[in-house]
Amino acid sequence: MGTVTVFTIDEMSFVSAMQDAKRKLEGSEDEILLDFSGVLRIDSAGLRAMAELAQIAEEKAVRVAVQGVGISVYKTLKLMRLPRVFWFER
């Protein structure tokens, strides 16, 4: 069993944090936990970065857990059909 790497996400560094998580997934089999507690909304660049992360996770069959997601962010991710590839924690 691999380790879990935690990425604390905020709106100001959203895209760069997603890119860091993507690089981590590309280089290992570790599971990833994204803490969205500091995210109130996601712009189009952020959604694109999440979609890229989801693609890598699916290809590697690595679990990506997301915690601290507010209802408006969850609804946005649901519209993008991203919840099917992420595991949401309370």
PDB file of N, CA and C in Angstrom:
ATOM      1  N   MET A   1       0.847  -1.179   0.000  1.00  0.00           N
ATOM      2  CA  MET A   1       0.000   0.000   0.000  1.00  0.00           C
ATOM      3  C   MET A   1       0.885   1.232   0.000  1.00  0.00           C
ATOM      4  N   GLY A   2       0.570   2.212  -0.862  1.00  0.00           N
ATOM      5  CA  GLY A   2       1.347   3.439  -0.961  1.00  0.00           C
ATOM      6  C   GLY A   2       0.964   4.425   0.122  1.00  0.00           C
ATOM      7  N   THR A   3       1.600   5.551   0.081  1.00  0.00           N
ATOM      8  CA  THR A   3       1.293   6.609   1.042  1.00  0.00           C
ATOM      9  C   THR A   3       0.272   7.565   0.437  1.00  0.00           C
ATOM     10  N   VAL A   4      -0.260   8.425   1.281  1.00  0.00           N
ATOM     11  CA  VAL A   4      -1.214   9.439   0.840  1.00  0.00           C
ATOM     12  C   VAL A   4      -0.519  10.787   0.893  1.00  0.00           C
ATOM     13  N   THR A   5      -0.546  11.513  -0.203  1.00  0.00           N
ATOM     14  CA  THR A   5       0.012  12.857  -0.269  1.00  0.00           C
ATOM     15  C   THR A   5      -1.131  13.851  -0.228  1.00  0.00           C
ATOM     16  N   VAL A   6      -1.036  14.818   0.690  1.00  0.00           N
ATOM     17  CA  VAL A   6      -2.098  15.814   0.871  1.00  0.00           C
ATOM     18  C   VAL A   6      -1.691  17.118   0.197  1.00  0.00           C
ATOM     19  N   PHE A   7      -2.597  17.666  -0.586  1.00  0.00           N
ATOM     20  CA  PHE A   7      -2.420  18.974  -1.209  1.00  0.00           C
ATOM     21  C   PHE A   7      -3.508  19.894  -0.673  1.00  0.00           C
ATOM     22  N   THR A   8      -3.105  20.963   0.002  1.00  0.00           N
ATOM     23  CA  THR A   8      -4.056  21.957   0.491  1.00  0.00           C
ATOM     24  C   THR A   8      -4.250  22.981  -0.618  1.00  0.00           C
ATOM     25  N   ILE A   9      -5.476  23.114  -1.062  1.00  0.00           N
ATOM     26  CA  ILE A   9      -5.796  23.930  -2.228  1.00  0.00           C
ATOM     27  C   ILE A   9      -6.480  25.224  -1.783  1.00  0.00           C
ATOM     28  N   ASP A  10      -6.101  26.330  -2.418  1.00  0.00           N
ATOM     29  CA  ASP A  10      -6.846  27.576  -2.243  1.00  0.00           C
ATOM     30  C   ASP A  10      -7.068  28.183  -3.624  1.00  0.00           C
ATOM     31  N   GLU A  11      -7.907  29.174  -3.694  1.00  0.00           N
ATOM     32  CA  GLU A  11      -8.270  29.739  -4.996  1.00  0.00           C
ATOM     33  C   GLU A  11      -7.097  30.416  -5.697  1.00  0.00           C
ATOM     34  N   MET A  12      -6.204  31.020  -4.941  1.00  0.00           N
ATOM     35  CA  MET A  12      -5.083  31.753  -5.543  1.00  0.00           C
ATOM     36  C   MET A  12      -4.065  30.827  -6.214  1.00  0.00           C
ATOM     37  N   SER A  13      -3.900  29.622  -5.673  1.00  0.00           N
ATOM     38  CA  SER A  13      -2.888  28.702  -6.219  1.00  0.00           C
ATOM     39  C   SER A  13      -3.518  27.430  -6.762  1.00  0.00           C
ATOM     40  N   PHE A  14      -4.788  27.501  -7.152  1.00  0.00           N
ATOM     41  CA  PHE A  14      -5.531  26.311  -7.555  1.00  0.00           C
ATOM     42  C   PHE A  14      -4.856  25.560  -8.705  1.00  0.00           C
ATOM     43  N   VAL A  15      -4.588  26.252  -9.786  1.00  0.00           N
ATOM     44  CA  VAL A  15      -4.038  25.593 -10.972  1.00  0.00           C
ATOM     45  C   VAL A  15      -2.652  25.022 -10.680  1.00  0.00           C
ATOM     46  N   SER A  16      -1.803  25.787 -10.008  1.00  0.00           N
ATOM     47  CA  SER A  16      -0.456  25.274  -9.722  1.00  0.00           C
ATOM     48  C   SER A  16      -0.513  24.084  -8.772  1.00  0.00           C
ATOM     49  N   ALA A  17      -1.451  24.091  -7.825  1.00  0.00           N
ATOM     50  CA  ALA A  17      -1.598  22.944  -6.922  1.00  0.00           C
ATOM     51  C   ALA A  17      -2.076  21.711  -7.689  1.00  0.00           C
ATOM     52  N   MET A  18      -2.994  21.890  -8.632  1.00  0.00           N
ATOM     53  CA  MET A  18      -3.448  20.767  -9.456  1.00  0.00           C
ATOM     54  C   MET A  18      -2.303  20.221 -10.306  1.00  0.00           C
ATOM     55  N   GLN A  19      -1.456  21.112 -10.827  1.00  0.00           N
ATOM     56  CA  GLN A  19      -0.305  20.676 -11.610  1.00  0.00           C
ATOM     57  C   GLN A  19       0.684  19.911 -10.739  1.00  0.00           C
ATOM     58  N   ASP A  20       0.894  20.364  -9.503  1.00  0.00           N
ATOM     59  CA  ASP A  20       1.761  19.643  -8.567  1.00  0.00           C
ATOM     60  C   ASP A  20       1.202  18.250  -8.285  1.00  0.00           C
ATOM     61  N   ALA A  21      -0.103  18.164  -8.062  1.00  0.00           N
ATOM     62  CA  ALA A  21      -0.743  16.869  -7.810  1.00  0.00           C
ATOM     63  C   ALA A  21      -0.620  15.960  -9.031  1.00  0.00           C
ATOM     64  N   LYS A  22      -0.779  16.526 -10.213  1.00  0.00           N
ATOM     65  CA  LYS A  22      -0.647  15.752 -11.454  1.00  0.00           C
ATOM     66  C   LYS A  22       0.769  15.186 -11.599  1.00  0.00           C
ATOM     67  N   ARG A  23       1.767  16.023 -11.333  1.00  0.00           N
ATOM     68  CA  ARG A  23       3.160  15.545 -11.395  1.00  0.00           C
ATOM     69  C   ARG A  23       3.406  14.433 -10.377  1.00  0.00           C
ATOM     70  N   LYS A  24       2.824  14.570  -9.195  1.00  0.00           N
ATOM     71  CA  LYS A  24       2.972  13.545  -8.167  1.00  0.00           C
ATOM     72  C   LYS A  24       2.369  12.231  -8.642  1.00  0.00           C
ATOM     73  N   LEU A  25       1.184  12.292  -9.247  1.00  0.00           N
ATOM     74  CA  LEU A  25       0.548  11.076  -9.763  1.00  0.00           C
ATOM     75  C   LEU A  25       1.352  10.447 -10.889  1.00  0.00           C
ATOM     76  N   GLU A  26       1.908  11.270 -11.751  1.00  0.00           N
ATOM     77  CA  GLU A  26       2.685  10.749 -12.882  1.00  0.00           C
ATOM     78  C   GLU A  26       3.943  10.025 -12.405  1.00  0.00           C
ATOM     79  N   GLY A  27       4.475  10.447 -11.255  1.00  0.00           N
ATOM     80  CA  GLY A  27       5.743   9.895 -10.788  1.00  0.00           C
ATOM     81  C   GLY A  27       5.651   8.817  -9.735  1.00  0.00           C
ATOM     82  N   SER A  28       4.431   8.461  -9.299  1.00  0.00           N
ATOM     83  CA  SER A  28       4.333   7.453  -8.240  1.00  0.00           C
ATOM     84  C   SER A  28       2.961   6.796  -8.271  1.00  0.00           C
ATOM     85  N   GLU A  29       2.784   5.851  -7.389  1.00  0.00           N
ATOM     86  CA  GLU A  29       1.496   5.174  -7.235  1.00  0.00           C
ATOM     87  C   GLU A  29       0.787   5.627  -5.963  1.00  0.00           C
ATOM     88  N   ASP A  30       1.275   6.689  -5.336  1.00  0.00           N
ATOM     89  CA  ASP A  30       0.685   7.183  -4.101  1.00  0.00           C
ATOM     90  C   ASP A  30      -0.724   7.695  -4.329  1.00  0.00           C
ATOM     91  N   GLU A  31      -1.535   7.570  -3.284  1.00  0.00           N
ATOM     92  CA  GLU A  31      -2.862   8.165  -3.328  1.00  0.00           C
ATOM     93  C   GLU A  31      -2.742   9.646  -3.023  1.00  0.00           C
ATOM     94  N   ILE A  32      -3.733  10.405  -3.489  1.00  0.00           N
ATOM     95  CA  ILE A  32      -3.716  11.858  -3.316  1.00  0.00           C
ATOM     96  C   ILE A  32      -4.973  12.278  -2.568  1.00  0.00           C
ATOM     97  N   LEU A  33      -4.803  13.232  -1.661  1.00  0.00           N
ATOM     98  CA  LEU A  33      -5.927  13.854  -0.974  1.00  0.00           C
ATOM     99  C   LEU A  33      -5.854  15.346  -1.249  1.00  0.00           C
ATOM    100  N   LEU A  34      -6.917  15.884  -1.832  1.00  0.00           N
ATOM    101  CA  LEU A  34      -7.010  17.315  -2.113  1.00  0.00           C
ATOM    102  C   LEU A  34      -7.918  17.950  -1.064  1.00  0.00           C
ATOM    103  N   ASP A  35      -7.390  18.914  -0.328  1.00  0.00           N
ATOM    104  CA  ASP A  35      -8.184  19.618   0.683  1.00  0.00           C
ATOM    105  C   ASP A  35      -8.696  20.913   0.064  1.00  0.00           C
ATOM    106  N   PHE A  36     -10.000  20.949  -0.216  1.00  0.00           N
ATOM    107  CA  PHE A  36     -10.640  22.086  -0.876  1.00  0.00           C
ATOM    108  C   PHE A  36     -11.265  23.060   0.118  1.00  0.00           C
ATOM    109  N   SER A  37     -10.903  23.001   1.374  1.00  0.00           N
ATOM    110  CA  SER A  37     -11.511  23.864   2.383  1.00  0.00           C
ATOM    111  C   SER A  37     -11.395  25.346   2.043  1.00  0.00           C
ATOM    112  N   GLY A  38     -10.334  25.745   1.348  1.00  0.00           N
ATOM    113  CA  GLY A  38     -10.123  27.150   1.003  1.00  0.00           C
ATOM    114  C   GLY A  38     -10.644  27.541  -0.367  1.00  0.00           C
ATOM    115  N   VAL A  39     -11.475  26.694  -0.984  1.00  0.00           N
ATOM    116  CA  VAL A  39     -11.960  26.962  -2.344  1.00  0.00           C
ATOM    117  C   VAL A  39     -13.460  27.242  -2.317  1.00  0.00           C
ATOM    118  N   LEU A  40     -13.823  28.434  -2.780  1.00  0.00           N
ATOM    119  CA  LEU A  40     -15.236  28.799  -2.863  1.00  0.00           C
ATOM    120  C   LEU A  40     -15.783  28.689  -4.282  1.00  0.00           C
ATOM    121  N   ARG A  41     -14.888  28.786  -5.274  1.00  0.00           N
ATOM    122  CA  ARG A  41     -15.306  28.647  -6.673  1.00  0.00           C
ATOM    123  C   ARG A  41     -14.116  28.180  -7.497  1.00  0.00           C
ATOM    124  N   ILE A  42     -14.404  27.623  -8.658  1.00  0.00           N
ATOM    125  CA  ILE A  42     -13.358  27.149  -9.568  1.00  0.00           C
ATOM    126  C   ILE A  42     -13.608  27.783 -10.925  1.00  0.00           C
ATOM    127  N   ASP A  43     -12.565  28.386 -11.502  1.00  0.00           N
ATOM    128  CA  ASP A  43     -12.708  28.984 -12.834  1.00  0.00           C
ATOM    129  C   ASP A  43     -12.414  27.942 -13.907  1.00  0.00           C
ATOM    130  N   SER A  44     -12.486  28.350 -15.162  1.00  0.00           N
ATOM    131  CA  SER A  44     -12.308  27.401 -16.269  1.00  0.00           C
ATOM    132  C   SER A  44     -10.905  26.800 -16.298  1.00  0.00           C
ATOM    133  N   ALA A  45      -9.893  27.578 -15.944  1.00  0.00           N
ATOM    134  CA  ALA A  45      -8.524  27.041 -15.903  1.00  0.00           C
ATOM    135  C   ALA A  45      -8.409  25.973 -14.819  1.00  0.00           C
ATOM    136  N   GLY A  46      -9.071  26.190 -13.692  1.00  0.00           N
ATOM    137  CA  GLY A  46      -9.068  25.208 -12.616  1.00  0.00           C
ATOM    138  C   GLY A  46      -9.782  23.931 -13.007  1.00  0.00           C
ATOM    139  N   LEU A  47     -10.902  24.058 -13.696  1.00  0.00           N
ATOM    140  CA  LEU A  47     -11.628  22.877 -14.162  1.00  0.00           C
ATOM    141  C   LEU A  47     -10.810  22.076 -15.162  1.00  0.00           C
ATOM    142  N   ARG A  48     -10.111  22.787 -16.033  1.00  0.00           N
ATOM    143  CA  ARG A  48      -9.241  22.118 -17.009  1.00  0.00           C
ATOM    144  C   ARG A  48      -8.128  21.353 -16.280  1.00  0.00           C
ATOM    145  N   ALA A  49      -7.541  21.989 -15.264  1.00  0.00           N
ATOM    146  CA  ALA A  49      -6.472  21.341 -14.492  1.00  0.00           C
ATOM    147  C   ALA A  49      -7.006  20.112 -13.752  1.00  0.00           C
ATOM    148  N   MET A  50      -8.228  20.201 -13.221  1.00  0.00           N
ATOM    149  CA  MET A  50      -8.827  19.041 -12.551  1.00  0.00           C
ATOM    150  C   MET A  50      -9.108  17.912 -13.532  1.00  0.00           C
ATOM    151  N   ALA A  51      -9.564  18.257 -14.726  1.00  0.00           N
ATOM    152  CA  ALA A  51      -9.826  17.237 -15.744  1.00  0.00           C
ATOM    153  C   ALA A  51      -8.537  16.513 -16.130  1.00  0.00           C
ATOM    154  N   GLU A  52      -7.445  17.248 -16.233  1.00  0.00           N
ATOM    155  CA  GLU A  52      -6.149  16.627 -16.545  1.00  0.00           C
ATOM    156  C   GLU A  52      -5.707  15.694 -15.417  1.00  0.00           C
ATOM    157  N   LEU A  53      -5.895  16.134 -14.171  1.00  0.00           N
ATOM    158  CA  LEU A  53      -5.563  15.297 -13.025  1.00  0.00           C
ATOM    159  C   LEU A  53      -6.413  14.029 -13.023  1.00  0.00           C
ATOM    160  N   ALA A  54      -7.706  14.175 -13.324  1.00  0.00           N
ATOM    161  CA  ALA A  54      -8.607  13.028 -13.370  1.00  0.00           C
ATOM    162  C   ALA A  54      -8.175  12.027 -14.431  1.00  0.00           C
ATOM    163  N   GLN A  55      -7.732  12.511 -15.569  1.00  0.00           N
ATOM    164  CA  GLN A  55      -7.299  11.616 -16.645  1.00  0.00           C
ATOM    165  C   GLN A  55      -6.095  10.783 -16.207  1.00  0.00           C
ATOM    166  N   ILE A  56      -5.119  11.425 -15.583  1.00  0.00           N
ATOM    167  CA  ILE A  56      -3.936  10.706 -15.100  1.00  0.00           C
ATOM    168  C   ILE A  56      -4.341   9.685 -14.035  1.00  0.00           C
ATOM    169  N   ALA A  57      -5.218  10.087 -13.119  1.00  0.00           N
ATOM    170  CA  ALA A  57      -5.668   9.180 -12.059  1.00  0.00           C
ATOM    171  C   ALA A  57      -6.361   7.957 -12.641  1.00  0.00           C
ATOM    172  N   GLU A  58      -7.209   8.167 -13.637  1.00  0.00           N
ATOM    173  CA  GLU A  58      -7.895   7.040 -14.281  1.00  0.00           C
ATOM    174  C   GLU A  58      -6.905   6.116 -14.973  1.00  0.00           C
ATOM    175  N   GLU A  59      -5.957   6.690 -15.697  1.00  0.00           N
ATOM    176  CA  GLU A  59      -4.966   5.882 -16.403  1.00  0.00           C
ATOM    177  C   GLU A  59      -4.138   5.030 -15.447  1.00  0.00           C
ATOM    178  N   LYS A  60      -3.804   5.579 -14.291  1.00  0.00           N
ATOM    179  CA  LYS A  60      -2.967   4.878 -13.323  1.00  0.00           C
ATOM    180  C   LYS A  60      -3.770   4.106 -12.291  1.00  0.00           C
ATOM    181  N   ALA A  61      -5.094   4.243 -12.330  1.00  0.00           N
ATOM    182  CA  ALA A  61      -5.984   3.603 -11.359  1.00  0.00           C
ATOM    183  C   ALA A  61      -5.573   3.965  -9.931  1.00  0.00           C
ATOM    184  N   VAL A  62      -5.320   5.251  -9.729  1.00  0.00           N
ATOM    185  CA  VAL A  62      -4.933   5.770  -8.420  1.00  0.00           C
ATOM    186  C   VAL A  62      -6.094   6.587  -7.866  1.00  0.00           C
ATOM    187  N   ARG A  63      -6.347   6.411  -6.607  1.00  0.00           N
ATOM    188  CA  ARG A  63      -7.458   7.096  -5.957  1.00  0.00           C
ATOM    189  C   ARG A  63      -7.097   8.549  -5.642  1.00  0.00           C
ATOM    190  N   VAL A  64      -8.030   9.454  -5.949  1.00  0.00           N
ATOM    191  CA  VAL A  64      -7.887  10.862  -5.589  1.00  0.00           C
ATOM    192  C   VAL A  64      -9.091  11.211  -4.715  1.00  0.00           C
ATOM    193  N   ALA A  65      -8.808  11.482  -3.451  1.00  0.00           N
ATOM    194  CA  ALA A  65      -9.860  11.861  -2.515  1.00  0.00           C
ATOM    195  C   ALA A  65      -9.896  13.379  -2.417  1.00  0.00           C
ATOM    196  N   VAL A  66     -11.093  13.915  -2.235  1.00  0.00           N
ATOM    197  CA  VAL A  66     -11.286  15.356  -2.111  1.00  0.00           C
ATOM    198  C   VAL A  66     -12.089  15.597  -0.841  1.00  0.00           C
ATOM    199  N   GLN A  67     -11.600  16.506   0.000  1.00  0.00           N
ATOM    200  CA  GLN A  67     -12.345  16.837   1.215  1.00  0.00           C
ATOM    201  C   GLN A  67     -12.570  18.334   1.300  1.00  0.00           C
ATOM    202  N   GLY A  68     -13.531  18.720   2.109  1.00  0.00           N
ATOM    203  CA  GLY A  68     -13.803  20.138   2.325  1.00  0.00           C
ATOM    204  C   GLY A  68     -14.450  20.841   1.155  1.00  0.00           C
ATOM    205  N   VAL A  69     -15.212  20.118   0.355  1.00  0.00           N
ATOM    206  CA  VAL A  69     -15.836  20.696  -0.837  1.00  0.00           C
ATOM    207  C   VAL A  69     -17.179  21.324  -0.466  1.00  0.00           C
ATOM    208  N   GLY A  70     -17.314  22.605  -0.761  1.00  0.00           N
ATOM    209  CA  GLY A  70     -18.587  23.292  -0.556  1.00  0.00           C
ATOM    210  C   GLY A  70     -19.588  22.901  -1.626  1.00  0.00           C
ATOM    211  N   ILE A  71     -20.851  23.167  -1.353  1.00  0.00           N
ATOM    212  CA  ILE A  71     -21.916  22.753  -2.262  1.00  0.00           C
ATOM    213  C   ILE A  71     -21.796  23.392  -3.647  1.00  0.00           C
ATOM    214  N   SER A  72     -21.409  24.666  -3.726  1.00  0.00           N
ATOM    215  CA  SER A  72     -21.318  25.308  -5.041  1.00  0.00           C
ATOM    216  C   SER A  72     -20.175  24.716  -5.862  1.00  0.00           C
ATOM    217  N   VAL A  73     -19.062  24.393  -5.219  1.00  0.00           N
ATOM    218  CA  VAL A  73     -17.942  23.756  -5.930  1.00  0.00           C
ATOM    219  C   VAL A  73     -18.345  22.355  -6.362  1.00  0.00           C
ATOM    220  N   TYR A  74     -19.021  21.620  -5.482  1.00  0.00           N
ATOM    221  CA  TYR A  74     -19.459  20.275  -5.840  1.00  0.00           C
ATOM    222  C   TYR A  74     -20.403  20.303  -7.044  1.00  0.00           C
ATOM    223  N   LYS A  75     -21.325  21.247  -7.053  1.00  0.00           N
ATOM    224  CA  LYS A  75     -22.258  21.353  -8.183  1.00  0.00           C
ATOM    225  C   LYS A  75     -21.511  21.635  -9.485  1.00  0.00           C
ATOM    226  N   THR A  76     -20.486  22.477  -9.411  1.00  0.00           N
ATOM    227  CA  THR A  76     -19.677  22.762 -10.607  1.00  0.00           C
ATOM    228  C   THR A  76     -18.980  21.499 -11.087  1.00  0.00           C
ATOM    229  N   LEU A  77     -18.388  20.753 -10.159  1.00  0.00           N
ATOM    230  CA  LEU A  77     -17.699  19.510 -10.525  1.00  0.00           C
ATOM    231  C   LEU A  77     -18.688  18.483 -11.073  1.00  0.00           C
ATOM    232  N   LYS A  78     -19.869  18.462 -10.514  1.00  0.00           N
ATOM    233  CA  LYS A  78     -20.896  17.528 -10.999  1.00  0.00           C
ATOM    234  C   LYS A  78     -21.288  17.846 -12.431  1.00  0.00           C
ATOM    235  N   LEU A  79     -21.436  19.140 -12.743  1.00  0.00           N
ATOM    236  CA  LEU A  79     -21.750  19.532 -14.117  1.00  0.00           C
ATOM    237  C   LEU A  79     -20.665  19.098 -15.094  1.00  0.00           C
ATOM    238  N   MET A  80     -19.433  19.085 -14.620  1.00  0.00           N
ATOM    239  CA  MET A  80     -18.296  18.668 -15.462  1.00  0.00           C
ATOM    240  C   MET A  80     -18.125  17.148 -15.472  1.00  0.00           C
ATOM    241  N   ARG A  81     -18.958  16.453 -14.703  1.00  0.00           N
ATOM    242  CA  ARG A  81     -18.899  14.997 -14.570  1.00  0.00           C
ATOM    243  C   ARG A  81     -17.584  14.526 -13.954  1.00  0.00           C
ATOM    244  N   LEU A  82     -16.984  15.360 -13.139  1.00  0.00           N
ATOM    245  CA  LEU A  82     -15.746  14.981 -12.459  1.00  0.00           C
ATOM    246  C   LEU A  82     -15.975  14.144 -11.207  1.00  0.00           C
ATOM    247  N   PRO A  83     -17.122  14.228 -10.529  1.00  0.00           N
ATOM    248  CA  PRO A  83     -17.280  13.416  -9.325  1.00  0.00           C
ATOM    249  C   PRO A  83     -17.111  11.917  -9.546  1.00  0.00           C
ATOM    250  N   ARG A  84     -17.315  11.436 -10.751  1.00  0.00           N
ATOM    251  CA  ARG A  84     -17.181   9.991 -10.985  1.00  0.00           C
ATOM    252  C   ARG A  84     -15.741   9.511 -10.838  1.00  0.00           C
ATOM    253  N   VAL A  85     -14.773  10.388 -10.920  1.00  0.00           N
ATOM    254  CA  VAL A  85     -13.376   9.975 -10.832  1.00  0.00           C
ATOM    255  C   VAL A  85     -12.704  10.380  -9.529  1.00  0.00           C
ATOM    256  N   PHE A  86     -13.387  11.168  -8.720  1.00  0.00           N
ATOM    257  CA  PHE A  86     -12.860  11.576  -7.426  1.00  0.00           C
ATOM    258  C   PHE A  86     -13.717  10.978  -6.322  1.00  0.00           C
ATOM    259  N   TRP A  87     -13.086  10.704  -5.196  1.00  0.00           N
ATOM    260  CA  TRP A  87     -13.791  10.206  -4.037  1.00  0.00           C
ATOM    261  C   TRP A  87     -13.930  11.338  -3.054  1.00  0.00           C
ATOM    262  N   PHE A  88     -15.156  11.705  -2.694  1.00  0.00           N
ATOM    263  CA  PHE A  88     -15.393  12.848  -1.836  1.00  0.00           C
ATOM    264  C   PHE A  88     -15.548  12.416  -0.393  1.00  0.00           C
ATOM    265  N   GLU A  89     -14.782  13.079   0.491  1.00  0.00           N
ATOM    266  CA  GLU A  89     -14.871  12.853   1.924  1.00  0.00           C
ATOM    267  C   GLU A  89     -15.571  14.024   2.563  1.00  0.00           C
ATOM    268  N   ARG A  90     -16.158  13.799   3.705  1.00  0.00           N
ATOM    269  CA  ARG A  90     -16.804  14.895   4.445  1.00  0.00           C
ATOM    270  C   ARG A  90     -15.809  15.572   5.321  1.00  0.00           C
TER     271      ARG A  90
END
